[in-house]
N, C-alpha and C. Protein backbone atom coordinates (compact mmCIF):
# COMPACT_ATOMS: atom_id res chain seq x y z
N MET A 1 -102.18 -68.17 75.13
CA MET A 1 -102.04 -66.75 75.30
C MET A 1 -101.10 -66.50 76.47
N VAL A 2 -100.13 -65.60 76.24
CA VAL A 2 -99.15 -65.25 77.26
C VAL A 2 -99.54 -63.91 77.83
N ARG A 3 -99.58 -63.85 79.13
CA ARG A 3 -99.92 -62.57 79.74
C ARG A 3 -98.71 -62.04 80.49
N ALA A 4 -98.61 -60.76 80.55
CA ALA A 4 -97.49 -60.11 81.23
C ALA A 4 -97.67 -60.20 82.73
N LEU A 5 -96.56 -60.29 83.42
CA LEU A 5 -96.61 -60.32 84.88
C LEU A 5 -96.78 -58.90 85.40
N SER A 6 -97.64 -58.78 86.32
CA SER A 6 -97.85 -57.48 86.95
C SER A 6 -97.76 -57.66 88.45
N PRO A 7 -97.62 -56.58 89.18
CA PRO A 7 -97.52 -56.71 90.63
C PRO A 7 -98.72 -57.40 91.25
N SER A 8 -99.86 -57.33 90.59
CA SER A 8 -101.05 -57.97 91.16
C SER A 8 -101.20 -59.41 90.71
N SER A 9 -100.33 -59.90 89.80
CA SER A 9 -100.44 -61.28 89.34
C SER A 9 -100.03 -62.22 90.47
N PRO A 10 -100.53 -63.46 90.43
CA PRO A 10 -100.24 -64.40 91.52
C PRO A 10 -98.77 -64.78 91.64
N VAL A 11 -97.99 -64.66 90.56
CA VAL A 11 -96.57 -65.00 90.60
C VAL A 11 -95.77 -63.72 90.41
N ALA A 12 -94.98 -63.37 91.42
CA ALA A 12 -94.16 -62.16 91.34
C ALA A 12 -92.97 -62.43 90.42
N PRO A 13 -92.39 -61.39 89.81
CA PRO A 13 -91.25 -61.60 88.91
C PRO A 13 -90.08 -62.30 89.58
N SER A 14 -89.79 -62.00 90.83
CA SER A 14 -88.66 -62.65 91.50
C SER A 14 -88.92 -64.15 91.67
N SER A 15 -90.16 -64.53 91.92
CA SER A 15 -90.49 -65.95 92.03
C SER A 15 -90.38 -66.63 90.68
N PHE A 16 -90.78 -65.91 89.63
CA PHE A 16 -90.69 -66.46 88.28
C PHE A 16 -89.23 -66.74 87.91
N TYR A 17 -88.35 -65.79 88.19
CA TYR A 17 -86.93 -65.97 87.86
C TYR A 17 -86.30 -67.07 88.72
N ALA A 18 -86.72 -67.18 89.95
CA ALA A 18 -86.21 -68.24 90.81
C ALA A 18 -86.65 -69.60 90.28
N LEU A 19 -87.91 -69.69 89.84
CA LEU A 19 -88.41 -70.94 89.27
C LEU A 19 -87.69 -71.27 87.96
N LEU A 20 -87.46 -70.26 87.13
CA LEU A 20 -86.74 -70.46 85.88
C LEU A 20 -85.32 -70.95 86.14
N LEU A 21 -84.64 -70.36 87.11
CA LEU A 21 -83.29 -70.79 87.47
C LEU A 21 -83.29 -72.23 87.96
N LEU A 22 -84.28 -72.60 88.74
CA LEU A 22 -84.38 -73.96 89.25
C LEU A 22 -84.58 -74.96 88.11
N VAL A 23 -85.43 -74.61 87.15
CA VAL A 23 -85.68 -75.50 86.02
C VAL A 23 -84.41 -75.67 85.17
N VAL A 24 -83.71 -74.58 84.91
CA VAL A 24 -82.47 -74.65 84.12
C VAL A 24 -81.43 -75.48 84.86
N ALA A 25 -81.29 -75.28 86.15
CA ALA A 25 -80.32 -76.05 86.94
C ALA A 25 -80.68 -77.53 86.96
N ALA A 26 -81.97 -77.84 86.95
CA ALA A 26 -82.40 -79.24 86.95
C ALA A 26 -81.99 -79.95 85.66
N PHE A 27 -81.94 -79.21 84.55
CA PHE A 27 -81.53 -79.82 83.28
C PHE A 27 -80.02 -79.85 83.11
N ILE A 28 -79.33 -78.83 83.58
CA ILE A 28 -77.88 -78.75 83.39
C ILE A 28 -77.12 -79.66 84.35
N GLY A 29 -77.59 -79.80 85.58
CA GLY A 29 -76.90 -80.62 86.58
C GLY A 29 -76.65 -82.05 86.12
N PRO A 30 -77.69 -82.80 85.75
CA PRO A 30 -77.46 -84.18 85.29
C PRO A 30 -76.62 -84.25 84.02
N LEU A 31 -76.73 -83.25 83.16
CA LEU A 31 -75.93 -83.23 81.94
C LEU A 31 -74.44 -83.13 82.27
N ARG A 32 -74.09 -82.28 83.22
CA ARG A 32 -72.68 -82.13 83.61
C ARG A 32 -72.16 -83.38 84.29
N VAL A 33 -72.99 -84.04 85.10
CA VAL A 33 -72.57 -85.27 85.77
C VAL A 33 -72.34 -86.37 84.74
N ALA A 34 -73.22 -86.48 83.75
CA ALA A 34 -73.06 -87.50 82.72
C ALA A 34 -71.81 -87.25 81.89
N THR A 35 -71.52 -86.00 81.60
CA THR A 35 -70.32 -85.66 80.84
C THR A 35 -69.07 -85.99 81.64
N ALA A 36 -69.06 -85.68 82.93
CA ALA A 36 -67.89 -85.95 83.76
C ALA A 36 -67.64 -87.44 83.91
N GLN A 37 -68.69 -88.24 83.95
CA GLN A 37 -68.51 -89.68 84.11
C GLN A 37 -68.06 -90.35 82.83
N SER A 38 -68.31 -89.75 81.68
CA SER A 38 -67.95 -90.39 80.42
C SER A 38 -66.48 -90.20 80.06
N VAL A 39 -65.77 -89.33 80.76
CA VAL A 39 -64.35 -89.10 80.48
C VAL A 39 -63.53 -90.17 81.19
N PRO A 40 -62.80 -91.01 80.43
CA PRO A 40 -62.01 -92.06 81.08
C PRO A 40 -60.79 -91.48 81.79
N ALA A 41 -60.33 -92.20 82.79
CA ALA A 41 -59.13 -91.78 83.51
C ALA A 41 -57.92 -91.93 82.60
N PRO A 42 -56.96 -91.00 82.68
CA PRO A 42 -55.79 -91.10 81.81
C PRO A 42 -54.95 -92.34 82.14
N VAL A 43 -54.37 -92.92 81.12
CA VAL A 43 -53.52 -94.10 81.27
C VAL A 43 -52.12 -93.65 81.67
N PRO A 44 -51.60 -94.15 82.79
CA PRO A 44 -50.25 -93.73 83.19
C PRO A 44 -49.18 -94.38 82.30
N VAL A 45 -48.21 -93.56 81.90
CA VAL A 45 -47.08 -94.03 81.11
C VAL A 45 -45.82 -93.74 81.92
N ARG A 46 -45.16 -94.79 82.37
CA ARG A 46 -43.95 -94.63 83.19
C ARG A 46 -42.75 -94.39 82.29
N VAL A 47 -42.04 -93.31 82.57
CA VAL A 47 -40.86 -92.94 81.79
C VAL A 47 -39.67 -92.80 82.73
N GLY A 48 -38.62 -93.55 82.46
CA GLY A 48 -37.41 -93.47 83.26
C GLY A 48 -36.43 -92.47 82.67
N VAL A 49 -35.89 -91.63 83.53
CA VAL A 49 -34.91 -90.62 83.10
C VAL A 49 -33.66 -90.83 83.94
N ILE A 50 -32.55 -91.14 83.30
CA ILE A 50 -31.29 -91.36 84.00
C ILE A 50 -30.41 -90.12 83.83
N LEU A 51 -30.02 -89.52 84.94
CA LEU A 51 -29.15 -88.35 84.94
C LEU A 51 -27.90 -88.66 85.75
N ASP A 52 -26.85 -87.89 85.52
CA ASP A 52 -25.58 -88.09 86.23
C ASP A 52 -25.51 -87.13 87.41
N TRP A 53 -25.83 -87.62 88.61
CA TRP A 53 -25.80 -86.79 89.81
C TRP A 53 -24.48 -86.93 90.57
N ALA A 54 -23.70 -87.97 90.25
CA ALA A 54 -22.51 -88.28 91.04
C ALA A 54 -21.38 -87.28 90.84
N ASN A 55 -21.13 -86.86 89.62
CA ASN A 55 -20.02 -85.94 89.35
C ASN A 55 -20.38 -84.53 89.79
N LYS A 56 -19.45 -83.89 90.47
CA LYS A 56 -19.72 -82.54 90.99
C LYS A 56 -20.02 -81.54 89.89
N GLY A 57 -19.33 -81.62 88.78
CA GLY A 57 -19.54 -80.67 87.70
C GLY A 57 -20.86 -80.85 86.98
N SER A 58 -21.38 -82.08 86.97
CA SER A 58 -22.59 -82.34 86.20
C SER A 58 -23.86 -82.30 87.05
N SER A 59 -23.73 -82.19 88.37
CA SER A 59 -24.94 -82.21 89.20
C SER A 59 -25.81 -80.97 88.97
N ALA A 60 -25.19 -79.81 88.76
CA ALA A 60 -25.96 -78.60 88.49
C ALA A 60 -26.64 -78.71 87.12
N VAL A 61 -25.93 -79.28 86.17
CA VAL A 61 -26.51 -79.48 84.83
C VAL A 61 -27.66 -80.47 84.91
N SER A 62 -27.47 -81.54 85.68
CA SER A 62 -28.53 -82.55 85.84
C SER A 62 -29.76 -81.95 86.50
N LEU A 63 -29.55 -81.08 87.47
CA LEU A 63 -30.68 -80.43 88.14
C LEU A 63 -31.46 -79.56 87.16
N ARG A 64 -30.75 -78.82 86.32
CA ARG A 64 -31.43 -77.99 85.31
C ARG A 64 -32.18 -78.86 84.30
N ARG A 65 -31.57 -79.96 83.92
CA ARG A 65 -32.23 -80.85 82.96
C ARG A 65 -33.48 -81.48 83.57
N ARG A 66 -33.37 -81.90 84.83
CA ARG A 66 -34.53 -82.49 85.51
C ARG A 66 -35.67 -81.47 85.58
N THR A 67 -35.34 -80.24 85.97
CA THR A 67 -36.35 -79.19 86.06
C THR A 67 -36.96 -78.91 84.70
N GLY A 68 -36.13 -78.87 83.67
CA GLY A 68 -36.62 -78.63 82.31
C GLY A 68 -37.56 -79.71 81.82
N ILE A 69 -37.23 -80.96 82.11
CA ILE A 69 -38.07 -82.09 81.70
C ILE A 69 -39.41 -82.03 82.43
N GLN A 70 -39.38 -81.77 83.74
CA GLN A 70 -40.62 -81.67 84.50
C GLN A 70 -41.49 -80.53 84.00
N MET A 71 -40.87 -79.39 83.71
CA MET A 71 -41.64 -78.25 83.21
C MET A 71 -42.23 -78.54 81.84
N ALA A 72 -41.50 -79.25 81.00
CA ALA A 72 -42.02 -79.60 79.67
C ALA A 72 -43.25 -80.49 79.77
N VAL A 73 -43.21 -81.46 80.69
CA VAL A 73 -44.37 -82.34 80.88
C VAL A 73 -45.56 -81.54 81.42
N GLU A 74 -45.31 -80.66 82.40
CA GLU A 74 -46.38 -79.83 82.94
C GLU A 74 -46.97 -78.91 81.88
N ASP A 75 -46.12 -78.32 81.05
CA ASP A 75 -46.60 -77.45 79.98
C ASP A 75 -47.44 -78.22 78.96
N TYR A 76 -47.03 -79.43 78.66
CA TYR A 76 -47.79 -80.24 77.71
C TYR A 76 -49.20 -80.50 78.25
N TYR A 77 -49.30 -80.90 79.50
CA TYR A 77 -50.62 -81.21 80.05
C TYR A 77 -51.45 -79.96 80.32
N ALA A 78 -50.79 -78.82 80.49
CA ALA A 78 -51.54 -77.56 80.59
C ALA A 78 -52.16 -77.21 79.23
N ALA A 79 -51.44 -77.52 78.15
CA ALA A 79 -51.95 -77.24 76.80
C ALA A 79 -52.91 -78.33 76.31
N HIS A 80 -52.80 -79.54 76.85
CA HIS A 80 -53.64 -80.68 76.44
C HIS A 80 -54.26 -81.32 77.68
N PRO A 81 -55.21 -80.65 78.35
CA PRO A 81 -55.76 -81.20 79.60
C PRO A 81 -56.57 -82.48 79.41
N GLY A 82 -57.07 -82.74 78.22
CA GLY A 82 -57.87 -83.94 77.99
C GLY A 82 -57.07 -85.10 77.43
N SER A 83 -55.77 -85.08 77.61
CA SER A 83 -54.92 -86.13 77.06
C SER A 83 -55.29 -87.49 77.65
N ALA A 84 -55.22 -88.52 76.82
CA ALA A 84 -55.60 -89.87 77.25
C ALA A 84 -54.50 -90.55 78.05
N THR A 85 -53.30 -89.97 78.08
CA THR A 85 -52.20 -90.55 78.84
C THR A 85 -51.68 -89.55 79.86
N ARG A 86 -50.99 -90.05 80.85
CA ARG A 86 -50.36 -89.21 81.87
C ARG A 86 -48.96 -89.75 82.09
N VAL A 87 -47.96 -88.94 81.74
CA VAL A 87 -46.56 -89.34 81.87
C VAL A 87 -46.14 -89.27 83.34
N GLU A 88 -45.58 -90.37 83.84
CA GLU A 88 -45.03 -90.42 85.19
C GLU A 88 -43.51 -90.50 85.06
N LEU A 89 -42.83 -89.45 85.49
CA LEU A 89 -41.37 -89.41 85.39
C LEU A 89 -40.74 -90.10 86.59
N HIS A 90 -39.78 -90.97 86.33
CA HIS A 90 -39.02 -91.65 87.38
C HIS A 90 -37.55 -91.36 87.12
N PHE A 91 -36.95 -90.58 88.01
CA PHE A 91 -35.57 -90.15 87.83
C PHE A 91 -34.62 -91.10 88.55
N GLY A 92 -33.49 -91.35 87.91
CA GLY A 92 -32.46 -92.19 88.49
C GLY A 92 -31.09 -91.57 88.29
N ASP A 93 -30.12 -92.08 89.03
CA ASP A 93 -28.74 -91.59 88.97
C ASP A 93 -27.88 -92.63 88.27
N SER A 94 -27.11 -92.19 87.28
CA SER A 94 -26.23 -93.12 86.57
C SER A 94 -25.00 -93.45 87.40
N LYS A 95 -24.68 -92.62 88.38
CA LYS A 95 -23.51 -92.79 89.24
C LYS A 95 -22.23 -92.90 88.42
N GLY A 96 -22.23 -92.22 87.29
CA GLY A 96 -21.05 -92.21 86.44
C GLY A 96 -20.83 -93.47 85.63
N ASP A 97 -21.71 -94.45 85.72
CA ASP A 97 -21.56 -95.72 85.01
C ASP A 97 -22.48 -95.73 83.79
N VAL A 98 -21.89 -95.59 82.62
CA VAL A 98 -22.67 -95.53 81.38
C VAL A 98 -23.39 -96.85 81.11
N VAL A 99 -22.69 -97.97 81.32
CA VAL A 99 -23.29 -99.28 81.06
C VAL A 99 -24.42 -99.55 82.05
N GLY A 100 -24.21 -99.21 83.30
CA GLY A 100 -25.27 -99.38 84.31
C GLY A 100 -26.48 -98.53 84.01
N ALA A 101 -26.25 -97.32 83.53
CA ALA A 101 -27.36 -96.44 83.18
C ALA A 101 -28.14 -96.99 81.99
N ALA A 102 -27.42 -97.57 81.02
CA ALA A 102 -28.09 -98.12 79.84
C ALA A 102 -28.94 -99.33 80.18
N SER A 103 -28.52 -100.10 81.18
CA SER A 103 -29.27 -101.30 81.54
C SER A 103 -30.27 -101.05 82.67
N ALA A 104 -30.38 -99.83 83.16
CA ALA A 104 -31.27 -99.54 84.29
C ALA A 104 -32.73 -99.79 83.95
N GLY A 105 -33.11 -99.60 82.71
CA GLY A 105 -34.50 -99.82 82.31
C GLY A 105 -34.92 -101.27 82.41
N LYS A 106 -33.99 -102.17 82.23
CA LYS A 106 -34.30 -103.59 82.31
C LYS A 106 -34.45 -104.05 83.76
N LEU A 107 -33.87 -103.30 84.70
CA LEU A 107 -33.94 -103.69 86.10
C LEU A 107 -35.23 -103.23 86.77
N ALA A 108 -35.85 -102.21 86.22
CA ALA A 108 -37.07 -101.67 86.83
C ALA A 108 -38.23 -102.62 86.56
N PRO A 109 -39.12 -102.76 87.56
CA PRO A 109 -40.27 -103.66 87.37
C PRO A 109 -41.28 -103.10 86.42
């Protein structure tokens, strides 16, 4: 049998709600911790980007391209926060040498 709380009852309504909040928090707290621990850390994926910074005419273009690439990666992870990978961009300068830029990936550890 459920009885209504009244001002003369041994448990005041504010105490009842405080106790109810405590019980709910006791169940939700461990659940959130277990969920947070089960999410694996994202796997880093190193990506090399070679741009031409040496030529005066292309440095402004290279800066816009670098900014665009960085923004695209940020936008992707904003739309997919639970992604299993994390792209790490590593920018390099071709110094006007096409062959050197093409072989730069083999030189990186």
